[in-house]
Amino acid sequence: MAERSKDWLEQAERDLKQAKHSLRDKIYEWACFCAQQAAEKAIKALYERLHGEAWGHSVSKLLTKLPRNSKPPEELIDKAITLDRYYIQTRYPNGFDAGAPKDYFTQRDAKEAVEYAAEIIEFCKNKIS
């Protein structure tokens, strides 16, 4: 099977671009979700480059399961844990007792998510290069 880390990384960067657009447009829940997706895809790009298998959607779990020589610093895993919270609740109204996701995510959440995703993408790019 062909190694497709470039494809995964390009999509990660595109997802981050969408997260930034959503932040600008004040669609904070979508900015958070797109940031989570960007980070997840960047990590899956790194797994592709390492010829490993990446299963699941937890950014933090994917990072912690990387081979020893590719593991990130603990601070990056902590940031990934924040992004993990944005995988489901940003999209589904039944994630909360009342209201829609748009009612629960703030500009601060979205800015932080975009920043954290960008850091994870940069980490992965450096390991892939």
Protein backbone atom coordinates (compact mmCIF):
# COMPACT_ATOMS: atom_id res chain seq x y z
CA MET A 1 0.00 0.00 0.00
CA ALA A 2 1.24 3.49 -0.82
CA GLU A 3 2.49 5.71 1.96
CA ARG A 4 0.08 8.68 2.17
CA SER A 5 1.42 10.91 4.93
CA LYS A 6 1.46 13.88 2.55
CA ASP A 7 -2.27 13.49 1.87
CA TRP A 8 -3.09 13.27 5.58
CA LEU A 9 -0.93 16.30 6.36
CA GLU A 10 -2.42 18.39 3.56
CA GLN A 11 -5.92 17.64 4.84
CA ALA A 12 -4.85 18.46 8.41
CA GLU A 13 -3.66 21.87 7.25
CA ARG A 14 -6.87 22.43 5.32
CA ASP A 15 -8.95 21.49 8.37
CA LEU A 16 -6.93 23.99 10.43
CA LYS A 17 -7.64 26.64 7.81
CA GLN A 18 -11.37 25.88 8.17
CA ALA A 19 -11.06 26.13 11.96
CA LYS A 20 -9.55 29.60 11.54
CA HIS A 21 -12.37 30.63 9.20
CA SER A 22 -14.97 29.39 11.68
CA LEU A 23 -13.22 31.29 14.48
CA ARG A 24 -13.27 34.45 12.40
CA ASP A 25 -16.96 33.90 11.61
CA LYS A 26 -17.77 33.27 15.30
CA ILE A 27 -18.87 29.70 14.72
CA TYR A 28 -16.93 28.59 17.76
CA GLU A 29 -18.19 25.03 18.11
CA TRP A 30 -17.19 24.29 14.53
CA ALA A 31 -13.80 25.95 15.00
CA CYS A 32 -13.18 23.63 17.95
CA PHE A 33 -14.26 20.54 16.02
CA CYS A 34 -12.21 21.40 12.94
CA ALA A 35 -9.17 22.02 15.13
CA GLN A 36 -9.62 18.58 16.69
CA GLN A 37 -9.88 17.05 13.22
CA ALA A 38 -6.77 18.90 12.04
CA ALA A 39 -4.72 17.57 14.94
CA GLU A 40 -6.03 14.04 14.52
CA LYS A 41 -5.17 13.97 10.81
CA ALA A 42 -1.69 15.38 11.40
CA ILE A 43 -0.98 12.61 13.88
CA LYS A 44 -2.32 10.03 11.43
CA ALA A 45 0.07 11.49 8.84
CA LEU A 46 2.92 10.80 11.24
CA TYR A 47 1.71 7.23 11.79
CA GLU A 48 1.60 6.79 8.00
CA ARG A 49 5.19 7.99 7.71
CA LEU A 50 6.24 5.61 10.46
CA HIS A 51 4.33 2.75 8.77
CA GLY A 52 2.20 2.35 11.87
CA GLU A 53 -1.52 1.90 12.36
CA ALA A 54 -3.57 4.68 13.91
CA TRP A 55 -7.03 3.78 15.16
CA GLY A 56 -9.52 5.99 16.90
CA HIS A 57 -10.15 9.68 17.24
CA SER A 58 -8.55 10.56 20.57
CA VAL A 59 -5.74 12.97 19.79
CA SER A 60 -4.11 12.41 23.17
CA LYS A 61 -4.25 8.60 22.90
CA LEU A 62 -2.82 8.69 19.39
CA LEU A 63 0.07 10.85 20.61
CA THR A 64 0.82 8.68 23.63
CA LYS A 65 0.90 5.51 21.50
CA LEU A 66 3.57 6.87 19.15
CA PRO A 67 6.90 5.04 19.20
CA ARG A 68 9.33 6.26 21.86
CA ASN A 69 11.49 8.30 19.47
CA SER A 70 8.41 10.13 18.14
CA LYS A 71 6.63 10.89 21.42
CA PRO A 72 5.75 14.52 22.08
CA PRO A 73 6.42 16.45 25.28
CA GLU A 74 3.84 16.05 28.06
CA GLU A 75 2.57 19.63 27.53
CA LEU A 76 1.49 18.73 24.00
CA ILE A 77 -0.40 15.68 25.28
CA ASP A 78 -2.20 17.95 27.78
CA LYS A 79 -3.23 20.21 24.90
CA ALA A 80 -4.42 17.16 22.97
CA ILE A 81 -6.66 16.22 25.90
CA THR A 82 -8.37 19.59 25.49
CA LEU A 83 -8.92 18.87 21.79
CA ASP A 84 -10.36 15.43 22.61
CA ARG A 85 -13.27 17.18 24.32
CA TYR A 86 -14.25 18.74 21.00
CA TYR A 87 -14.84 15.56 19.02
CA ILE A 88 -18.49 14.88 19.89
CA GLN A 89 -20.04 17.65 21.95
CA THR A 90 -19.27 20.32 19.37
CA ARG A 91 -21.59 18.59 16.91
CA TYR A 92 -24.55 17.07 18.72
CA PRO A 93 -27.26 18.87 20.74
CA ASN A 94 -27.81 15.78 22.88
CA GLY A 95 -24.33 16.25 24.32
CA PHE A 96 -25.90 18.73 26.74
CA ASP A 97 -29.06 18.77 28.85
CA ALA A 98 -30.44 21.74 26.91
CA GLY A 99 -29.45 23.97 24.05
CA ALA A 100 -27.27 23.36 21.04
CA PRO A 101 -23.48 23.16 20.79
CA LYS A 102 -23.41 26.80 19.65
CA ASP A 103 -24.49 27.75 23.18
CA TYR A 104 -21.53 26.10 24.91
CA PHE A 105 -18.36 27.03 23.04
CA THR A 106 -16.68 30.40 23.32
CA GLN A 107 -14.21 32.49 21.40
CA ARG A 108 -11.60 31.59 24.01
CA ASP A 109 -12.28 27.87 23.44
CA ALA A 110 -11.95 28.29 19.69
CA LYS A 111 -8.76 30.35 19.87
CA GLU A 112 -7.19 27.81 22.20
CA ALA A 113 -8.26 24.89 20.00
CA VAL A 114 -6.79 26.50 16.87
CA GLU A 115 -3.55 27.25 18.69
CA TYR A 116 -3.24 23.72 20.08
CA ALA A 117 -4.01 22.11 16.73
CA ALA A 118 -1.39 24.28 15.04
CA GLU A 119 1.20 23.16 17.61
CA ILE A 120 0.36 19.50 17.07
CA ILE A 121 0.53 19.91 13.29
CA GLU A 122 3.92 21.58 13.60
CA PHE A 123 5.17 18.79 15.86
CA CYS A 124 4.04 16.17 13.34
CA LYS A 125 5.49 18.05 10.37
CA ASN A 126 8.86 18.24 12.11
CA LYS A 127 8.82 14.49 12.76
CA ILE A 128 7.77 13.70 9.19
CA SER A 129 10.41 15.92 7.53
